[in-house]
């Protein structure tokens, strides 16, 4: 993989923050993502995050009112 390419299935939290901010999120932060992980958001064994799995978890949480 090219050094400039992102692997959406294994992103460091800082990259998730950058992607979500560029997508228009004003409230995303590393601290908030770490809180989400503590609350059960999926994380890979190496500490990276799958962007699609994380987004699905966020939607599920919104639907359940959390």
PDB file of N, CA and C in Angstrom:
ATOM      1  N   UNK A   1       0.839  -1.177   0.000  1.00  0.00           N
ATOM      2  CA  UNK A   1       0.000   0.000   0.000  1.00  0.00           C
ATOM      3  C   UNK A   1       0.886   1.243   0.000  1.00  0.00           C
ATOM      4  N   UNK A   2       0.511   2.221  -0.776  1.00  0.00           N
ATOM      5  CA  UNK A   2       1.217   3.496  -0.852  1.00  0.00           C
ATOM      6  C   UNK A   2       1.196   4.170   0.523  1.00  0.00           C
ATOM      7  N   UNK A   3       2.276   4.814   0.885  1.00  0.00           N
ATOM      8  CA  UNK A   3       2.388   5.490   2.186  1.00  0.00           C
ATOM      9  C   UNK A   3       1.296   6.535   2.386  1.00  0.00           C
ATOM     10  N   UNK A   4       0.789   7.129   1.310  1.00  0.00           N
ATOM     11  CA  UNK A   4      -0.235   8.170   1.394  1.00  0.00           C
ATOM     12  C   UNK A   4      -1.649   7.607   1.438  1.00  0.00           C
ATOM     13  N   UNK A   5      -1.810   6.289   1.281  1.00  0.00           N
ATOM     14  CA  UNK A   5      -3.127   5.678   1.307  1.00  0.00           C
ATOM     15  C   UNK A   5      -3.498   5.290   2.731  1.00  0.00           C
ATOM     16  N   UNK A   6      -4.793   5.352   3.009  1.00  0.00           N
ATOM     17  CA  UNK A   6      -5.295   4.949   4.313  1.00  0.00           C
ATOM     18  C   UNK A   6      -5.904   3.564   4.204  1.00  0.00           C
ATOM     19  N   UNK A   7      -5.758   2.783   5.245  1.00  0.00           N
ATOM     20  CA  UNK A   7      -6.404   1.485   5.331  1.00  0.00           C
ATOM     21  C   UNK A   7      -7.612   1.656   6.236  1.00  0.00           C
ATOM     22  N   UNK A   8      -8.794   1.743   5.660  1.00  0.00           N
ATOM     23  CA  UNK A   8     -10.012   2.013   6.411  1.00  0.00           C
ATOM     24  C   UNK A   8     -10.370   0.955   7.433  1.00  0.00           C
ATOM     25  N   UNK A   9      -9.716  -0.196   7.363  1.00  0.00           N
ATOM     26  CA  UNK A   9     -10.008  -1.253   8.326  1.00  0.00           C
ATOM     27  C   UNK A   9      -9.065  -1.225   9.517  1.00  0.00           C
ATOM     28  N   UNK A  10      -8.053  -0.376   9.473  1.00  0.00           N
ATOM     29  CA  UNK A  10      -7.067  -0.325  10.556  1.00  0.00           C
ATOM     30  C   UNK A  10      -6.463   1.067  10.649  1.00  0.00           C
ATOM     31  N   UNK A  11      -7.243   1.995  11.209  1.00  0.00           N
ATOM     32  CA  UNK A  11      -6.799   3.384  11.313  1.00  0.00           C
ATOM     33  C   UNK A  11      -6.483   3.753  12.758  1.00  0.00           C
ATOM     34  N   UNK A  12      -5.394   4.483  12.959  1.00  0.00           N
ATOM     35  CA  UNK A  12      -5.151   5.031  14.295  1.00  0.00           C
ATOM     36  C   UNK A  12      -6.251   6.042  14.640  1.00  0.00           C
ATOM     37  N   UNK A  13      -6.497   6.235  15.906  1.00  0.00           N
ATOM     38  CA  UNK A  13      -7.551   7.150  16.340  1.00  0.00           C
ATOM     39  C   UNK A  13      -7.345   8.546  15.764  1.00  0.00           C
ATOM     40  N   UNK A  14      -6.115   9.004  15.676  1.00  0.00           N
ATOM     41  CA  UNK A  14      -5.858  10.348  15.122  1.00  0.00           C
ATOM     42  C   UNK A  14      -6.332  10.462  13.681  1.00  0.00           C
ATOM     43  N   UNK A  15      -6.191   9.397  12.896  1.00  0.00           N
ATOM     44  CA  UNK A  15      -6.678   9.424  11.509  1.00  0.00           C
ATOM     45  C   UNK A  15      -8.201   9.422  11.457  1.00  0.00           C
ATOM     46  N   UNK A  16      -8.838   8.684  12.376  1.00  0.00           N
ATOM     47  CA  UNK A  16     -10.305   8.694  12.441  1.00  0.00           C
ATOM     48  C   UNK A  16     -10.783  10.117  12.721  1.00  0.00           C
ATOM     49  N   UNK A  17     -10.139  10.792  13.658  1.00  0.00           N
ATOM     50  CA  UNK A  17     -10.502  12.178  13.987  1.00  0.00           C
ATOM     51  C   UNK A  17     -10.368  13.058  12.745  1.00  0.00           C
ATOM     52  N   UNK A  18      -9.250  12.960  12.044  1.00  0.00           N
ATOM     53  CA  UNK A  18      -9.035  13.788  10.845  1.00  0.00           C
ATOM     54  C   UNK A  18     -10.080  13.516   9.779  1.00  0.00           C
ATOM     55  N   UNK A  19     -10.399  12.255   9.542  1.00  0.00           N
ATOM     56  CA  UNK A  19     -11.395  11.900   8.519  1.00  0.00           C
ATOM     57  C   UNK A  19     -12.760  12.452   8.897  1.00  0.00           C
ATOM     58  N   UNK A  20     -13.163  12.259  10.143  1.00  0.00           N
ATOM     59  CA  UNK A  20     -14.485  12.727  10.562  1.00  0.00           C
ATOM     60  C   UNK A  20     -14.567  14.251  10.571  1.00  0.00           C
ATOM     61  N   UNK A  21     -13.494  14.924  10.945  1.00  0.00           N
ATOM     62  CA  UNK A  21     -13.497  16.403  10.896  1.00  0.00           C
ATOM     63  C   UNK A  21     -13.615  16.895   9.461  1.00  0.00           C
ATOM     64  N   UNK A  22     -12.888  16.264   8.553  1.00  0.00           N
ATOM     65  CA  UNK A  22     -12.970  16.662   7.140  1.00  0.00           C
ATOM     66  C   UNK A  22     -14.338  16.352   6.549  1.00  0.00           C
ATOM     67  N   UNK A  23     -15.057  15.412   7.182  1.00  0.00           N
ATOM     68  CA  UNK A  23     -16.402  15.058   6.731  1.00  0.00           C
ATOM     69  C   UNK A  23     -17.462  15.957   7.352  1.00  0.00           C
ATOM     70  N   UNK A  24     -17.062  16.876   8.207  1.00  0.00           N
ATOM     71  CA  UNK A  24     -17.992  17.851   8.755  1.00  0.00           C
ATOM     72  C   UNK A  24     -18.285  17.740  10.238  1.00  0.00           C
ATOM     73  N   UNK A  25     -17.749  16.735  10.906  1.00  0.00           N
ATOM     74  CA  UNK A  25     -17.994  16.604  12.343  1.00  0.00           C
ATOM     75  C   UNK A  25     -17.268  17.711  13.094  1.00  0.00           C
ATOM     76  N   UNK A  26     -18.005  18.392  13.949  1.00  0.00           N
ATOM     77  CA  UNK A  26     -17.411  19.475  14.728  1.00  0.00           C
ATOM     78  C   UNK A  26     -17.064  19.050  16.146  1.00  0.00           C
ATOM     79  N   UNK A  27     -17.567  17.902  16.577  1.00  0.00           N
ATOM     80  CA  UNK A  27     -17.409  17.513  17.975  1.00  0.00           C
ATOM     81  C   UNK A  27     -16.490  16.310  18.184  1.00  0.00           C
ATOM     82  N   UNK A  28     -15.954  15.782  17.122  1.00  0.00           N
ATOM     83  CA  UNK A  28     -15.102  14.597  17.257  1.00  0.00           C
ATOM     84  C   UNK A  28     -13.748  14.989  17.848  1.00  0.00           C
ATOM     85  N   UNK A  29     -13.249  14.123  18.709  1.00  0.00           N
ATOM     86  CA  UNK A  29     -11.925  14.327  19.288  1.00  0.00           C
ATOM     87  C   UNK A  29     -11.373  12.958  19.661  1.00  0.00           C
ATOM     88  N   UNK A  30     -10.066  12.902  19.862  1.00  0.00           N
ATOM     89  CA  UNK A  30      -9.471  11.639  20.299  1.00  0.00           C
ATOM     90  C   UNK A  30     -10.073  11.220  21.629  1.00  0.00           C
ATOM     91  N   UNK A  31     -10.304  12.185  22.504  1.00  0.00           N
ATOM     92  CA  UNK A  31     -10.890  11.876  23.810  1.00  0.00           C
ATOM     93  C   UNK A  31     -12.274  11.245  23.649  1.00  0.00           C
ATOM     94  N   UNK A  32     -13.104  11.793  22.771  1.00  0.00           N
ATOM     95  CA  UNK A  32     -14.445  11.244  22.566  1.00  0.00           C
ATOM     96  C   UNK A  32     -14.395   9.845  21.972  1.00  0.00           C
ATOM     97  N   UNK A  33     -13.486   9.620  21.048  1.00  0.00           N
ATOM     98  CA  UNK A  33     -13.370   8.279  20.466  1.00  0.00           C
ATOM     99  C   UNK A  33     -12.890   7.291  21.519  1.00  0.00           C
ATOM    100  N   UNK A  34     -11.967   7.695  22.348  1.00  0.00           N
ATOM    101  CA  UNK A  34     -11.501   6.807  23.435  1.00  0.00           C
ATOM    102  C   UNK A  34     -12.645   6.503  24.418  1.00  0.00           C
ATOM    103  N   UNK A  35     -13.505   7.487  24.677  1.00  0.00           N
ATOM    104  CA  UNK A  35     -14.677   7.253  25.520  1.00  0.00           C
ATOM    105  C   UNK A  35     -15.615   6.256  24.846  1.00  0.00           C
ATOM    106  N   UNK A  36     -15.802   6.396  23.531  1.00  0.00           N
ATOM    107  CA  UNK A  36     -16.639   5.449  22.789  1.00  0.00           C
ATOM    108  C   UNK A  36     -16.069   4.039  22.886  1.00  0.00           C
ATOM    109  N   UNK A  37     -14.762   3.913  22.760  1.00  0.00           N
ATOM    110  CA  UNK A  37     -14.123   2.599  22.860  1.00  0.00           C
ATOM    111  C   UNK A  37     -14.346   2.023  24.257  1.00  0.00           C
ATOM    112  N   UNK A  38     -14.233   2.852  25.263  1.00  0.00           N
ATOM    113  CA  UNK A  38     -14.493   2.395  26.635  1.00  0.00           C
ATOM    114  C   UNK A  38     -15.946   1.963  26.820  1.00  0.00           C
ATOM    115  N   UNK A  39     -16.842   2.579  26.038  1.00  0.00           N
ATOM    116  CA  UNK A  39     -18.270   2.258  26.118  1.00  0.00           C
ATOM    117  C   UNK A  39     -18.655   1.078  25.235  1.00  0.00           C
ATOM    118  N   UNK A  40     -17.681   0.511  24.514  1.00  0.00           N
ATOM    119  CA  UNK A  40     -17.976  -0.683  23.721  1.00  0.00           C
ATOM    120  C   UNK A  40     -17.775  -0.566  22.231  1.00  0.00           C
ATOM    121  N   UNK A  41     -17.335   0.586  21.746  1.00  0.00           N
ATOM    122  CA  UNK A  41     -17.068   0.703  20.300  1.00  0.00           C
ATOM    123  C   UNK A  41     -15.995  -0.311  19.912  1.00  0.00           C
ATOM    124  N   UNK A  42     -16.137  -0.896  18.739  1.00  0.00           N
ATOM    125  CA  UNK A  42     -15.176  -1.929  18.326  1.00  0.00           C
ATOM    126  C   UNK A  42     -13.796  -1.351  18.047  1.00  0.00           C
ATOM    127  N   UNK A  43     -12.795  -2.130  18.413  1.00  0.00           N
ATOM    128  CA  UNK A  43     -11.411  -1.747  18.177  1.00  0.00           C
ATOM    129  C   UNK A  43     -10.648  -3.015  17.799  1.00  0.00           C
ATOM    130  N   UNK A  44      -9.702  -2.885  16.913  1.00  0.00           N
ATOM    131  CA  UNK A  44      -8.866  -4.010  16.514  1.00  0.00           C
ATOM    132  C   UNK A  44      -7.896  -4.372  17.645  1.00  0.00           C
ATOM    133  N   UNK A  45      -7.397  -5.604  17.648  1.00  0.00           N
ATOM    134  CA  UNK A  45      -6.459  -6.020  18.696  1.00  0.00           C
ATOM    135  C   UNK A  45      -5.224  -5.115  18.828  1.00  0.00           C
ATOM    136  N   UNK A  46      -4.830  -4.482  17.728  1.00  0.00           N
ATOM    137  CA  UNK A  46      -3.644  -3.620  17.780  1.00  0.00           C
ATOM    138  C   UNK A  46      -3.970  -2.177  18.162  1.00  0.00           C
ATOM    139  N   UNK A  47      -5.236  -1.899  18.510  1.00  0.00           N
ATOM    140  CA  UNK A  47      -5.635  -0.565  18.935  1.00  0.00           C
ATOM    141  C   UNK A  47      -6.119   0.335  17.819  1.00  0.00           C
ATOM    142  N   UNK A  48      -6.033  -0.119  16.572  1.00  0.00           N
ATOM    143  CA  UNK A  48      -6.560   0.665  15.461  1.00  0.00           C
ATOM    144  C   UNK A  48      -8.063   0.460  15.380  1.00  0.00           C
ATOM    145  N   UNK A  49      -8.703   1.273  14.544  1.00  0.00           N
ATOM    146  CA  UNK A  49     -10.158   1.246  14.429  1.00  0.00           C
ATOM    147  C   UNK A  49     -10.551   1.014  12.979  1.00  0.00           C
ATOM    148  N   UNK A  50     -11.542   0.142  12.783  1.00  0.00           N
ATOM    149  CA  UNK A  50     -12.141  -0.060  11.465  1.00  0.00           C
ATOM    150  C   UNK A  50     -13.203   1.020  11.320  1.00  0.00           C
ATOM    151  N   UNK A  51     -13.034   1.906  10.360  1.00  0.00           N
ATOM    152  CA  UNK A  51     -13.925   3.055  10.207  1.00  0.00           C
ATOM    153  C   UNK A  51     -15.371   2.629   9.982  1.00  0.00           C
ATOM    154  N   UNK A  52     -15.606   1.607   9.174  1.00  0.00           N
ATOM    155  CA  UNK A  52     -16.973   1.159   8.896  1.00  0.00           C
ATOM    156  C   UNK A  52     -17.598   0.560  10.155  1.00  0.00           C
ATOM    157  N   UNK A  53     -16.858  -0.255  10.880  1.00  0.00           N
ATOM    158  CA  UNK A  53     -17.390  -0.850  12.111  1.00  0.00           C
ATOM    159  C   UNK A  53     -17.681   0.229  13.155  1.00  0.00           C
ATOM    160  N   UNK A  54     -16.808   1.207  13.245  1.00  0.00           N
ATOM    161  CA  UNK A  54     -17.024   2.294  14.203  1.00  0.00           C
ATOM    162  C   UNK A  54     -18.264   3.107  13.822  1.00  0.00           C
ATOM    163  N   UNK A  55     -18.417   3.431  12.543  1.00  0.00           N
ATOM    164  CA  UNK A  55     -19.588   4.187  12.089  1.00  0.00           C
ATOM    165  C   UNK A  55     -20.871   3.402  12.360  1.00  0.00           C
ATOM    166  N   UNK A  56     -20.854   2.094  12.113  1.00  0.00           N
ATOM    167  CA  UNK A  56     -22.024   1.261  12.379  1.00  0.00           C
ATOM    168  C   UNK A  56     -22.349   1.256  13.867  1.00  0.00           C
ATOM    169  N   UNK A  57     -21.334   1.201  14.701  1.00  0.00           N
ATOM    170  CA  UNK A  57     -21.542   1.229  16.147  1.00  0.00           C
ATOM    171  C   UNK A  57     -22.173   2.557  16.557  1.00  0.00           C
ATOM    172  N   UNK A  58     -21.680   3.663  15.991  1.00  0.00           N
ATOM    173  CA  UNK A  58     -22.245   4.978  16.304  1.00  0.00           C
ATOM    174  C   UNK A  58     -23.722   5.049  15.929  1.00  0.00           C
ATOM    175  N   UNK A  59     -24.079   4.537  14.758  1.00  0.00           N
ATOM    176  CA  UNK A  59     -25.479   4.540  14.317  1.00  0.00           C
ATOM    177  C   UNK A  59     -26.328   3.710  15.279  1.00  0.00           C
ATOM    178  N   UNK A  60     -25.824   2.544  15.648  1.00  0.00           N
ATOM    179  CA  UNK A  60     -26.544   1.675  16.579  1.00  0.00           C
ATOM    180  C   UNK A  60     -26.779   2.392  17.918  1.00  0.00           C
ATOM    181  N   UNK A  61     -25.756   3.096  18.392  1.00  0.00           N
ATOM    182  CA  UNK A  61     -25.885   3.839  19.641  1.00  0.00           C
ATOM    183  C   UNK A  61     -26.904   4.962  19.523  1.00  0.00           C
ATOM    184  N   UNK A  62     -26.905   5.652  18.393  1.00  0.00           N
ATOM    185  CA  UNK A  62     -27.896   6.722  18.179  1.00  0.00           C
ATOM    186  C   UNK A  62     -29.308   6.168  18.156  1.00  0.00           C
ATOM    187  N   UNK A  63     -29.477   5.023  17.494  1.00  0.00           N
ATOM    188  CA  UNK A  63     -30.803   4.417  17.406  1.00  0.00           C
ATOM    189  C   UNK A  63     -31.304   3.941  18.758  1.00  0.00           C
ATOM    190  N   UNK A  64     -30.390   3.520  19.620  1.00  0.00           N
ATOM    191  CA  UNK A  64     -30.792   3.026  20.940  1.00  0.00           C
ATOM    192  C   UNK A  64     -30.881   4.158  21.976  1.00  0.00           C
ATOM    193  N   UNK A  65     -30.540   5.371  21.553  1.00  0.00           N
ATOM    194  CA  UNK A  65     -30.657   6.521  22.429  1.00  0.00           C
ATOM    195  C   UNK A  65     -29.494   6.747  23.369  1.00  0.00           C
ATOM    196  N   UNK A  66     -28.372   6.114  23.119  1.00  0.00           N
ATOM    197  CA  UNK A  66     -27.188   6.284  23.983  1.00  0.00           C
ATOM    198  C   UNK A  66     -26.333   7.433  23.533  1.00  0.00           C
TER     199      UNK A  66
END
